[in-house]
N, C-alpha and C. Protein backbone atom coordinates (compact mmCIF):
# COMPACT_ATOMS: atom_id res chain seq x y z
N MET A 1 -7.63 79.89 19.10
CA MET A 1 -8.23 78.93 18.24
C MET A 1 -9.74 79.00 18.35
N CYS A 2 -10.27 78.58 17.34
CA CYS A 2 -11.71 78.60 17.21
C CYS A 2 -12.30 77.36 17.86
N PRO A 3 -13.31 77.49 18.71
CA PRO A 3 -13.87 76.29 19.34
C PRO A 3 -14.57 75.38 18.36
N SER A 4 -14.95 75.87 17.23
CA SER A 4 -15.63 75.01 16.28
C SER A 4 -14.66 74.04 15.59
N LEU A 5 -13.38 74.38 15.54
CA LEU A 5 -12.39 73.50 14.92
C LEU A 5 -12.00 72.33 15.82
N ILE A 6 -12.11 72.52 17.06
CA ILE A 6 -11.77 71.45 17.99
C ILE A 6 -13.05 70.74 18.35
N LYS A 7 -13.10 69.52 17.99
CA LYS A 7 -14.27 68.72 18.30
C LYS A 7 -13.86 67.64 19.27
N ASN A 8 -14.56 67.55 20.28
CA ASN A 8 -14.33 66.48 21.25
C ASN A 8 -15.31 65.36 20.95
N SER A 9 -14.81 64.36 20.25
CA SER A 9 -15.70 63.24 19.96
C SER A 9 -15.49 62.17 21.02
N VAL A 10 -16.57 61.65 21.45
CA VAL A 10 -16.52 60.59 22.44
C VAL A 10 -16.60 59.27 21.69
N LYS A 11 -15.54 58.48 21.77
CA LYS A 11 -15.50 57.18 21.10
C LYS A 11 -15.65 56.09 22.14
N ASP A 12 -16.20 54.96 21.65
CA ASP A 12 -16.34 53.80 22.52
C ASP A 12 -14.98 53.13 22.62
N THR A 13 -14.38 53.14 23.77
CA THR A 13 -13.04 52.59 23.98
C THR A 13 -13.08 51.34 24.85
N ARG A 14 -14.18 50.60 24.80
CA ARG A 14 -14.32 49.43 25.67
C ARG A 14 -13.44 48.28 25.23
N GLY A 15 -13.30 47.92 23.94
CA GLY A 15 -12.51 46.77 23.50
C GLY A 15 -13.32 45.49 23.62
N PHE A 16 -12.64 44.37 23.88
CA PHE A 16 -13.28 43.07 24.00
C PHE A 16 -13.54 42.75 25.45
N SER A 17 -14.65 42.09 25.67
CA SER A 17 -14.91 41.63 27.04
C SER A 17 -14.20 40.29 27.24
N VAL A 18 -14.06 39.86 28.46
CA VAL A 18 -13.41 38.59 28.78
C VAL A 18 -14.21 37.43 28.20
N LEU A 19 -15.52 37.52 28.23
CA LEU A 19 -16.37 36.46 27.69
C LEU A 19 -16.16 36.30 26.18
N GLU A 20 -16.11 37.42 25.46
CA GLU A 20 -15.88 37.35 24.02
C GLU A 20 -14.51 36.74 23.72
N LEU A 21 -13.51 37.10 24.47
CA LEU A 21 -12.17 36.56 24.28
C LEU A 21 -12.14 35.06 24.55
N LEU A 22 -12.83 34.59 25.59
CA LEU A 22 -12.89 33.16 25.90
C LEU A 22 -13.61 32.38 24.80
N ILE A 23 -14.65 32.95 24.21
CA ILE A 23 -15.36 32.28 23.12
C ILE A 23 -14.45 32.12 21.91
N VAL A 24 -13.70 33.15 21.57
CA VAL A 24 -12.79 33.09 20.43
C VAL A 24 -11.68 32.05 20.68
N VAL A 25 -11.14 32.03 21.89
CA VAL A 25 -10.09 31.07 22.23
C VAL A 25 -10.64 29.64 22.16
N ALA A 26 -11.86 29.43 22.64
CA ALA A 26 -12.46 28.09 22.59
C ALA A 26 -12.69 27.66 21.15
N MET A 27 -13.12 28.56 20.30
CA MET A 27 -13.34 28.22 18.89
C MET A 27 -12.03 27.85 18.21
N ILE A 28 -10.98 28.61 18.48
CA ILE A 28 -9.67 28.31 17.90
C ILE A 28 -9.17 26.96 18.40
N ALA A 29 -9.38 26.63 19.67
CA ALA A 29 -8.94 25.35 20.22
C ALA A 29 -9.68 24.18 19.56
N VAL A 30 -10.98 24.32 19.35
CA VAL A 30 -11.76 23.24 18.72
C VAL A 30 -11.31 23.04 17.27
N ILE A 31 -11.15 24.12 16.54
CA ILE A 31 -10.73 24.00 15.14
C ILE A 31 -9.32 23.43 15.04
N SER A 32 -8.42 23.86 15.91
CA SER A 32 -7.05 23.33 15.91
C SER A 32 -7.03 21.85 16.27
N GLY A 33 -7.84 21.44 17.25
CA GLY A 33 -7.91 20.03 17.62
C GLY A 33 -8.42 19.17 16.48
N PHE A 34 -9.44 19.64 15.80
CA PHE A 34 -9.98 18.90 14.66
C PHE A 34 -8.94 18.79 13.55
N ALA A 35 -8.23 19.89 13.27
CA ALA A 35 -7.20 19.87 12.22
C ALA A 35 -6.07 18.92 12.60
N LEU A 36 -5.66 18.92 13.85
CA LEU A 36 -4.59 18.03 14.31
C LEU A 36 -5.02 16.57 14.19
N LEU A 37 -6.26 16.27 14.52
CA LEU A 37 -6.78 14.90 14.40
C LEU A 37 -6.78 14.45 12.94
N GLN A 38 -7.20 15.32 12.04
CA GLN A 38 -7.21 14.97 10.62
C GLN A 38 -5.80 14.79 10.08
N ILE A 39 -4.87 15.61 10.51
CA ILE A 39 -3.48 15.48 10.06
C ILE A 39 -2.90 14.16 10.56
N THR A 40 -3.16 13.81 11.82
CA THR A 40 -2.68 12.54 12.38
C THR A 40 -3.28 11.37 11.63
N ARG A 41 -4.57 11.41 11.37
CA ARG A 41 -5.24 10.32 10.67
C ARG A 41 -4.68 10.16 9.25
N SER A 42 -4.49 11.27 8.55
CA SER A 42 -3.97 11.16 7.18
C SER A 42 -2.52 10.70 7.18
N HIS A 43 -1.75 11.08 8.19
CA HIS A 43 -0.36 10.63 8.31
C HIS A 43 -0.31 9.12 8.52
N GLN A 44 -1.17 8.60 9.40
CA GLN A 44 -1.24 7.15 9.63
C GLN A 44 -1.71 6.42 8.38
N HIS A 45 -2.69 6.99 7.69
CA HIS A 45 -3.19 6.38 6.46
C HIS A 45 -2.08 6.31 5.41
N MET A 46 -1.30 7.36 5.29
CA MET A 46 -0.22 7.40 4.32
C MET A 46 0.85 6.35 4.66
N LYS A 47 1.20 6.22 5.93
CA LYS A 47 2.19 5.22 6.34
C LYS A 47 1.68 3.81 6.05
N ARG A 48 0.41 3.55 6.34
CA ARG A 48 -0.16 2.22 6.10
C ARG A 48 -0.20 1.93 4.60
N ALA A 49 -0.59 2.91 3.80
CA ALA A 49 -0.63 2.73 2.35
C ALA A 49 0.76 2.47 1.79
N ASN A 50 1.77 3.16 2.31
CA ASN A 50 3.14 2.93 1.87
C ASN A 50 3.62 1.53 2.24
N ALA A 51 3.28 1.06 3.45
CA ALA A 51 3.65 -0.29 3.87
C ALA A 51 2.98 -1.33 2.97
N ALA A 52 1.72 -1.10 2.62
CA ALA A 52 1.00 -2.03 1.74
C ALA A 52 1.60 -2.02 0.34
N GLN A 53 1.98 -0.86 -0.17
CA GLN A 53 2.61 -0.79 -1.49
C GLN A 53 3.95 -1.50 -1.50
N GLN A 54 4.72 -1.35 -0.43
CA GLN A 54 6.01 -2.02 -0.35
C GLN A 54 5.82 -3.54 -0.32
N PHE A 55 4.83 -4.01 0.45
CA PHE A 55 4.57 -5.45 0.52
C PHE A 55 4.13 -5.96 -0.86
N ALA A 56 3.25 -5.24 -1.54
CA ALA A 56 2.80 -5.64 -2.87
C ALA A 56 3.96 -5.64 -3.87
N ALA A 57 4.88 -4.68 -3.73
CA ALA A 57 6.05 -4.64 -4.62
C ALA A 57 6.94 -5.86 -4.40
N HIS A 58 7.08 -6.30 -3.15
CA HIS A 58 7.88 -7.50 -2.88
C HIS A 58 7.19 -8.75 -3.43
N LEU A 59 5.86 -8.80 -3.33
CA LEU A 59 5.14 -9.91 -3.95
C LEU A 59 5.38 -9.93 -5.46
N GLU A 60 5.31 -8.79 -6.10
CA GLU A 60 5.51 -8.71 -7.54
C GLU A 60 6.94 -9.06 -7.92
N LYS A 61 7.94 -8.65 -7.12
CA LYS A 61 9.33 -9.02 -7.40
C LYS A 61 9.50 -10.54 -7.35
N ALA A 62 8.92 -11.17 -6.33
CA ALA A 62 9.02 -12.63 -6.21
C ALA A 62 8.33 -13.31 -7.39
N ARG A 63 7.20 -12.79 -7.78
CA ARG A 63 6.45 -13.36 -8.92
C ARG A 63 7.26 -13.24 -10.22
N LEU A 64 7.79 -12.06 -10.48
CA LEU A 64 8.57 -11.85 -11.70
C LEU A 64 9.86 -12.66 -11.70
N ASP A 65 10.46 -12.85 -10.52
CA ASP A 65 11.65 -13.68 -10.42
C ASP A 65 11.33 -15.12 -10.83
N SER A 66 10.20 -15.64 -10.38
CA SER A 66 9.80 -17.00 -10.75
C SER A 66 9.45 -17.09 -12.24
N LEU A 67 8.82 -16.07 -12.78
CA LEU A 67 8.53 -16.06 -14.21
C LEU A 67 9.82 -16.07 -15.04
N ARG A 68 10.81 -15.37 -14.56
CA ARG A 68 12.08 -15.26 -15.29
C ARG A 68 12.88 -16.55 -15.23
N ARG A 69 12.89 -17.23 -14.07
CA ARG A 69 13.77 -18.37 -13.87
C ARG A 69 13.12 -19.73 -14.13
N HIS A 70 11.79 -19.82 -14.16
CA HIS A 70 11.07 -21.09 -14.35
C HIS A 70 11.48 -22.16 -13.34
N PRO A 71 11.28 -21.92 -12.03
CA PRO A 71 11.66 -22.91 -11.02
C PRO A 71 10.72 -24.12 -11.05
N THR A 72 11.25 -25.27 -10.60
CA THR A 72 10.44 -26.48 -10.60
C THR A 72 10.09 -26.95 -9.19
N THR A 73 10.83 -26.51 -8.18
CA THR A 73 10.53 -26.90 -6.79
C THR A 73 10.29 -25.65 -5.96
N SER A 74 9.61 -25.83 -4.83
CA SER A 74 9.31 -24.68 -3.97
C SER A 74 10.57 -24.04 -3.40
N ALA A 75 11.64 -24.81 -3.26
CA ALA A 75 12.89 -24.25 -2.75
C ALA A 75 13.52 -23.28 -3.75
N GLN A 76 13.14 -23.39 -5.02
CA GLN A 76 13.68 -22.51 -6.06
C GLN A 76 12.74 -21.35 -6.40
N MET A 77 11.50 -21.40 -5.92
CA MET A 77 10.50 -20.40 -6.29
C MET A 77 10.69 -19.09 -5.52
N GLY A 78 10.42 -17.98 -6.20
CA GLY A 78 10.36 -16.70 -5.51
C GLY A 78 9.26 -16.78 -4.47
N GLN A 79 9.52 -16.24 -3.29
CA GLN A 79 8.57 -16.42 -2.19
C GLN A 79 8.55 -15.24 -1.24
N VAL A 80 7.38 -15.05 -0.63
CA VAL A 80 7.20 -14.04 0.41
C VAL A 80 6.59 -14.76 1.60
N SER A 81 7.22 -14.61 2.77
CA SER A 81 6.75 -15.27 4.00
C SER A 81 6.33 -14.22 5.01
N ILE A 82 5.10 -14.34 5.50
CA ILE A 82 4.66 -13.48 6.59
C ILE A 82 5.01 -14.24 7.87
N ILE A 83 6.02 -13.76 8.58
CA ILE A 83 6.57 -14.47 9.73
C ILE A 83 5.67 -14.35 10.94
N ASN A 84 5.27 -13.13 11.26
CA ASN A 84 4.34 -12.87 12.36
C ASN A 84 3.58 -11.59 12.05
N ALA A 85 2.94 -11.01 13.04
CA ALA A 85 2.09 -9.85 12.81
C ALA A 85 2.87 -8.62 12.36
N ARG A 86 4.18 -8.55 12.61
CA ARG A 86 4.95 -7.36 12.30
C ARG A 86 6.05 -7.55 11.26
N PHE A 87 6.46 -8.80 10.99
CA PHE A 87 7.60 -9.05 10.12
C PHE A 87 7.23 -9.94 8.94
N TYR A 88 7.87 -9.69 7.81
CA TYR A 88 7.78 -10.59 6.67
C TYR A 88 9.12 -10.63 5.97
N SER A 89 9.32 -11.65 5.14
CA SER A 89 10.56 -11.77 4.40
C SER A 89 10.24 -12.12 2.96
N PHE A 90 11.19 -11.83 2.08
CA PHE A 90 11.03 -12.25 0.69
C PHE A 90 12.38 -12.75 0.20
N ALA A 91 12.31 -13.75 -0.67
CA ALA A 91 13.53 -14.36 -1.22
C ALA A 91 13.40 -14.45 -2.73
N ILE A 92 14.40 -13.91 -3.42
CA ILE A 92 14.46 -13.98 -4.88
C ILE A 92 15.91 -14.24 -5.28
N ASP A 93 16.11 -14.53 -6.55
CA ASP A 93 17.45 -14.70 -7.09
C ASP A 93 17.90 -13.36 -7.68
N SER A 94 18.39 -12.48 -6.83
CA SER A 94 18.77 -11.14 -7.31
C SER A 94 20.13 -11.14 -8.01
N SER A 95 20.97 -12.15 -7.75
CA SER A 95 22.29 -12.18 -8.38
C SER A 95 22.26 -12.86 -9.74
N GLY A 96 21.20 -13.63 -10.03
CA GLY A 96 21.10 -14.29 -11.32
C GLY A 96 21.90 -15.57 -11.42
N ASP A 97 22.31 -16.14 -10.29
CA ASP A 97 23.09 -17.37 -10.32
C ASP A 97 22.24 -18.64 -10.30
N GLY A 98 20.91 -18.49 -10.29
CA GLY A 98 20.03 -19.65 -10.33
C GLY A 98 19.55 -20.14 -8.99
N SER A 99 20.03 -19.57 -7.91
CA SER A 99 19.55 -19.98 -6.58
C SER A 99 19.08 -18.75 -5.81
N LEU A 100 18.14 -18.98 -4.89
CA LEU A 100 17.60 -17.87 -4.11
C LEU A 100 18.65 -17.32 -3.15
N GLU A 101 18.62 -16.02 -2.98
CA GLU A 101 19.49 -15.38 -1.99
C GLU A 101 18.89 -15.62 -0.60
N ALA A 102 19.62 -15.28 0.43
CA ALA A 102 19.08 -15.36 1.79
C ALA A 102 17.88 -14.43 1.90
N PRO A 103 16.82 -14.85 2.57
CA PRO A 103 15.63 -14.00 2.67
C PRO A 103 15.94 -12.67 3.36
N GLN A 104 15.35 -11.62 2.82
CA GLN A 104 15.46 -10.29 3.44
C GLN A 104 14.26 -10.10 4.34
N VAL A 105 14.51 -9.83 5.62
CA VAL A 105 13.44 -9.64 6.59
C VAL A 105 13.10 -8.16 6.66
N ILE A 106 11.81 -7.87 6.59
CA ILE A 106 11.33 -6.49 6.59
C ILE A 106 10.29 -6.36 7.68
N THR A 107 10.33 -5.24 8.39
CA THR A 107 9.35 -4.97 9.43
C THR A 107 8.42 -3.87 8.98
N LEU A 108 7.21 -3.91 9.48
CA LEU A 108 6.28 -2.81 9.25
C LEU A 108 6.82 -1.59 9.98
N PRO A 109 6.40 -0.38 9.63
CA PRO A 109 6.96 0.83 10.26
C PRO A 109 6.99 0.72 11.78
N THR A 110 8.16 1.00 12.37
CA THR A 110 8.36 0.79 13.80
C THR A 110 7.62 1.80 14.68
N ASP A 111 7.32 2.97 14.17
CA ASP A 111 6.63 3.96 14.99
C ASP A 111 5.11 3.82 14.91
N THR A 112 4.63 2.68 14.43
CA THR A 112 3.20 2.42 14.34
C THR A 112 2.90 1.07 14.99
N ASP A 113 1.62 0.75 15.10
CA ASP A 113 1.24 -0.57 15.61
C ASP A 113 0.57 -1.39 14.51
N PHE A 114 0.95 -1.16 13.26
CA PHE A 114 0.37 -1.90 12.14
C PHE A 114 0.68 -3.39 12.29
N GLN A 115 -0.29 -4.21 11.86
CA GLN A 115 -0.13 -5.65 11.94
C GLN A 115 -0.74 -6.31 10.71
N PHE A 116 -0.17 -7.49 10.36
CA PHE A 116 -0.75 -8.34 9.32
C PHE A 116 -1.85 -9.18 9.95
N ASN A 117 -2.82 -9.61 9.13
CA ASN A 117 -3.80 -10.58 9.60
C ASN A 117 -3.16 -11.96 9.56
N GLY A 118 -3.67 -12.89 10.36
CA GLY A 118 -3.11 -14.24 10.46
C GLY A 118 -3.61 -15.13 9.35
N PRO A 119 -3.30 -16.37 9.36
CA PRO A 119 -2.48 -17.12 10.32
C PRO A 119 -0.99 -16.91 10.07
N PHE A 120 -0.20 -17.23 11.08
CA PHE A 120 1.25 -17.07 11.00
C PHE A 120 1.91 -18.40 11.29
N PRO A 121 3.05 -18.67 10.79
CA PRO A 121 3.63 -18.09 9.58
C PRO A 121 2.93 -18.63 8.35
N ARG A 122 3.01 -17.90 7.28
CA ARG A 122 2.48 -18.38 6.00
C ARG A 122 3.40 -17.87 4.89
N THR A 123 3.58 -18.73 3.91
CA THR A 123 4.49 -18.42 2.80
C THR A 123 3.72 -18.52 1.49
N ILE A 124 3.94 -17.52 0.65
CA ILE A 124 3.34 -17.49 -0.68
C ILE A 124 4.46 -17.74 -1.67
N TYR A 125 4.38 -18.85 -2.39
CA TYR A 125 5.35 -19.20 -3.43
C TYR A 125 4.75 -18.84 -4.78
N PHE A 126 5.61 -18.59 -5.76
CA PHE A 126 5.16 -18.32 -7.12
C PHE A 126 5.81 -19.32 -8.07
N ASN A 127 4.99 -20.06 -8.82
CA ASN A 127 5.53 -21.07 -9.73
C ASN A 127 6.04 -20.42 -11.02
N TRP A 128 6.46 -21.24 -11.97
CA TRP A 128 7.06 -20.74 -13.20
C TRP A 128 6.08 -19.96 -14.06
N ARG A 129 4.77 -20.12 -13.80
CA ARG A 129 3.76 -19.36 -14.53
C ARG A 129 3.37 -18.07 -13.80
N GLY A 130 3.97 -17.82 -12.63
CA GLY A 130 3.67 -16.62 -11.86
C GLY A 130 2.45 -16.75 -10.97
N ARG A 131 1.95 -17.96 -10.81
CA ARG A 131 0.76 -18.18 -9.99
C ARG A 131 1.16 -18.47 -8.55
N ALA A 132 0.30 -18.08 -7.63
CA ALA A 132 0.55 -18.34 -6.21
C ALA A 132 0.27 -19.81 -5.92
N VAL A 133 1.25 -20.47 -5.28
CA VAL A 133 1.13 -21.90 -4.97
C VAL A 133 1.55 -22.13 -3.53
N ASP A 134 1.24 -23.34 -3.03
CA ASP A 134 1.70 -23.72 -1.70
C ASP A 134 3.05 -24.44 -1.83
N ALA A 135 3.57 -24.94 -0.72
CA ALA A 135 4.89 -25.58 -0.72
C ALA A 135 4.92 -26.82 -1.61
N ALA A 136 3.78 -27.48 -1.80
CA ALA A 136 3.72 -28.67 -2.64
C ALA A 136 3.58 -28.32 -4.11
N GLY A 137 3.37 -27.08 -4.45
CA GLY A 137 3.24 -26.65 -5.83
C GLY A 137 1.80 -26.59 -6.32
N ALA A 138 0.85 -26.85 -5.43
CA ALA A 138 -0.56 -26.80 -5.82
C ALA A 138 -1.03 -25.34 -5.81
N THR A 139 -1.75 -24.96 -6.86
CA THR A 139 -2.26 -23.59 -6.96
C THR A 139 -3.21 -23.30 -5.81
N ILE A 140 -3.03 -22.16 -5.18
CA ILE A 140 -3.91 -21.77 -4.07
C ILE A 140 -4.92 -20.76 -4.56
N ASN A 141 -6.03 -20.70 -3.87
CA ASN A 141 -7.04 -19.71 -4.20
C ASN A 141 -6.47 -18.33 -3.96
N PRO A 142 -6.96 -17.35 -4.69
CA PRO A 142 -6.48 -15.99 -4.42
C PRO A 142 -6.62 -15.66 -2.94
N THR A 143 -5.61 -15.09 -2.40
CA THR A 143 -5.57 -14.80 -0.97
C THR A 143 -5.52 -13.30 -0.73
N THR A 144 -5.95 -12.88 0.44
CA THR A 144 -5.94 -11.48 0.82
C THR A 144 -5.09 -11.30 2.06
N VAL A 145 -4.22 -10.31 2.03
CA VAL A 145 -3.41 -9.94 3.19
C VAL A 145 -3.87 -8.55 3.61
N THR A 146 -4.13 -8.39 4.91
CA THR A 146 -4.63 -7.11 5.42
C THR A 146 -3.61 -6.52 6.39
N ILE A 147 -3.36 -5.23 6.26
CA ILE A 147 -2.53 -4.48 7.20
C ILE A 147 -3.45 -3.49 7.90
N SER A 148 -3.51 -3.58 9.23
CA SER A 148 -4.40 -2.69 9.98
C SER A 148 -3.75 -2.29 11.29
N SER A 149 -4.39 -1.37 11.99
CA SER A 149 -3.94 -0.89 13.30
C SER A 149 -4.97 -1.32 14.33
N PRO A 150 -4.68 -2.36 15.14
CA PRO A 150 -5.67 -2.85 16.09
C PRO A 150 -6.03 -1.84 17.18
N SER A 151 -5.12 -0.96 17.54
CA SER A 151 -5.42 0.01 18.61
C SER A 151 -6.24 1.18 18.09
N SER A 152 -6.23 1.41 16.79
CA SER A 152 -6.98 2.52 16.20
C SER A 152 -7.74 2.03 14.98
N PRO A 153 -8.83 1.27 15.18
CA PRO A 153 -9.57 0.76 14.02
C PRO A 153 -10.17 1.86 13.15
N SER A 154 -10.32 3.06 13.71
CA SER A 154 -10.90 4.14 12.91
C SER A 154 -9.95 4.59 11.80
N TYR A 155 -8.67 4.22 11.89
CA TYR A 155 -7.72 4.58 10.85
C TYR A 155 -7.87 3.70 9.62
N GLY A 156 -8.65 2.63 9.70
CA GLY A 156 -8.90 1.78 8.54
C GLY A 156 -7.85 0.71 8.36
N SER A 157 -7.89 0.06 7.20
CA SER A 157 -6.94 -1.01 6.89
C SER A 157 -6.65 -0.99 5.40
N SER A 158 -5.56 -1.64 5.02
CA SER A 158 -5.18 -1.78 3.61
C SER A 158 -5.19 -3.25 3.25
N GLN A 159 -5.77 -3.58 2.11
CA GLN A 159 -5.82 -4.97 1.66
C GLN A 159 -4.96 -5.13 0.42
N ILE A 160 -4.19 -6.23 0.43
CA ILE A 160 -3.40 -6.61 -0.73
C ILE A 160 -3.98 -7.94 -1.19
N ASP A 161 -4.57 -7.95 -2.38
CA ASP A 161 -5.18 -9.16 -2.92
C ASP A 161 -4.26 -9.77 -3.96
N LEU A 162 -4.26 -11.11 -4.02
CA LEU A 162 -3.58 -11.82 -5.09
C LEU A 162 -4.65 -12.34 -6.04
N THR A 163 -4.55 -12.00 -7.30
CA THR A 163 -5.52 -12.47 -8.27
C THR A 163 -5.25 -13.93 -8.59
N ALA A 164 -6.11 -14.55 -9.37
CA ALA A 164 -5.93 -15.95 -9.75
C ALA A 164 -4.63 -16.14 -10.53
N ALA A 165 -4.17 -15.10 -11.23
CA ALA A 165 -2.91 -15.18 -11.97
C ALA A 165 -1.70 -14.89 -11.09
N GLY A 166 -1.92 -14.60 -9.80
CA GLY A 166 -0.81 -14.34 -8.89
C GLY A 166 -0.39 -12.90 -8.78
N GLN A 167 -1.12 -12.00 -9.42
CA GLN A 167 -0.73 -10.59 -9.39
C GLN A 167 -1.24 -9.91 -8.13
N PRO A 168 -0.39 -9.13 -7.45
CA PRO A 168 -0.86 -8.37 -6.29
C PRO A 168 -1.67 -7.16 -6.74
N SER A 169 -2.69 -6.85 -5.97
CA SER A 169 -3.54 -5.71 -6.27
C SER A 169 -3.88 -5.01 -4.97
N LEU A 170 -3.79 -3.69 -5.01
CA LEU A 170 -4.08 -2.86 -3.84
C LEU A 170 -5.44 -2.22 -4.00
N GLU A 171 -6.50 -2.92 -3.66
CA GLU A 171 -7.85 -2.37 -3.70
C GLU A 171 -8.12 -1.66 -5.04
N GLY A 172 -7.73 -2.30 -6.10
CA GLY A 172 -7.93 -1.72 -7.42
C GLY A 172 -7.31 -2.60 -8.47
N PRO A 173 -6.84 -2.01 -9.58
CA PRO A 173 -6.26 -2.82 -10.64
C PRO A 173 -4.94 -3.44 -10.19
N PRO A 174 -4.54 -4.55 -10.81
CA PRO A 174 -3.28 -5.20 -10.44
C PRO A 174 -2.10 -4.26 -10.58
N VAL A 175 -1.04 -4.55 -9.79
CA VAL A 175 0.16 -3.73 -9.81
C VAL A 175 0.81 -3.77 -11.19
N SER A 176 0.78 -4.92 -11.86
CA SER A 176 1.36 -5.02 -13.19
C SER A 176 0.33 -5.66 -14.12
N SER A 177 0.62 -5.60 -15.40
CA SER A 177 -0.31 -6.18 -16.36
C SER A 177 -0.13 -7.69 -16.40
N PRO A 178 -1.18 -8.42 -16.73
CA PRO A 178 -1.07 -9.88 -16.74
C PRO A 178 -0.14 -10.36 -17.86
N VAL A 179 0.50 -11.50 -17.61
CA VAL A 179 1.35 -12.11 -18.61
C VAL A 179 0.48 -13.07 -19.40
N THR A 180 0.37 -12.83 -20.69
CA THR A 180 -0.45 -13.71 -21.53
C THR A 180 0.36 -14.11 -22.76
N ASN A 181 0.10 -15.28 -23.23
CA ASN A 181 0.71 -15.74 -24.48
C ASN A 181 -0.33 -15.55 -25.57
N SER A 182 0.02 -14.77 -26.56
CA SER A 182 -0.94 -14.53 -27.63
C SER A 182 -0.31 -14.94 -28.96
N VAL A 183 -1.15 -15.35 -29.85
CA VAL A 183 -0.72 -15.74 -31.19
C VAL A 183 -1.01 -14.56 -32.11
N PRO A 184 -0.01 -14.13 -32.88
CA PRO A 184 -0.28 -13.00 -33.77
C PRO A 184 -1.29 -13.42 -34.84
N PRO A 185 -2.07 -12.48 -35.34
CA PRO A 185 -3.07 -12.83 -36.35
C PRO A 185 -2.39 -13.29 -37.64
N ALA A 186 -3.05 -14.18 -38.32
CA ALA A 186 -2.52 -14.67 -39.60
C ALA A 186 -2.55 -13.54 -40.62
N PRO A 187 -1.53 -13.47 -41.49
CA PRO A 187 -1.53 -12.40 -42.49
C PRO A 187 -2.64 -12.60 -43.52
N LYS A 188 -3.12 -11.49 -44.03
CA LYS A 188 -4.16 -11.54 -45.06
C LYS A 188 -3.49 -11.37 -46.42
N PHE A 189 -3.83 -12.25 -47.35
CA PHE A 189 -3.24 -12.22 -48.68
C PHE A 189 -4.21 -11.57 -49.65
N ARG A 190 -3.63 -10.89 -50.63
CA ARG A 190 -4.45 -10.34 -51.70
C ARG A 190 -4.87 -11.50 -52.61
N ALA A 191 -6.06 -11.41 -53.09
CA ALA A 191 -6.60 -12.51 -53.89
C ALA A 191 -5.83 -12.72 -55.17
N ASN A 192 -5.35 -11.67 -55.80
CA ASN A 192 -4.73 -11.84 -57.11
C ASN A 192 -3.24 -12.18 -57.05
N THR A 193 -2.51 -11.80 -56.01
CA THR A 193 -1.07 -12.03 -55.97
C THR A 193 -0.63 -13.03 -54.90
N GLN A 194 -1.46 -13.29 -53.97
CA GLN A 194 -1.15 -14.17 -52.84
C GLN A 194 0.05 -13.63 -52.03
N LEU A 195 0.23 -12.30 -52.05
CA LEU A 195 1.28 -11.66 -51.25
C LEU A 195 0.62 -10.83 -50.16
N PRO A 196 1.27 -10.70 -49.04
CA PRO A 196 0.67 -9.89 -47.96
C PRO A 196 0.61 -8.42 -48.31
């Protein structure tokens, strides 16, 4: 063989140093930790938002039940009671027989430390017009219910507001449209025939 065809090339075969490998591992650990923290935070936020939506839906069910049945006493009104920091109940006439069913007790997600703000217990009744009232039937000022995590305040909180008309709202527009009584416009007649 010809010596010119065989070339002995000297290549750098060092690879990575231990220091370079440790830097890469540290960077991966920091990025993974940050990603895990963000995933945990968004998971908690999603659970809290779902709990707030469920609570607002129960408020709206109680309100619509009272609008449908036109109750005259607080014992007949659709109602939501916040029992303590973790439990609430709602009572409506789901069978349509004219009387409230036994209250259904609901807990906030058990794998979290979410809590309602006080005072406890408190009950929100809805009169025949769908407005939030107290046990005596007097209209109450719009109230706010907050769900938060006391051990992790950085996760934030969710607010459920009741408007003056009694509609629940989750930090934005009401869950349902307001109930209004409107009068249709009077028909316009043609001058020559007096017909619409």
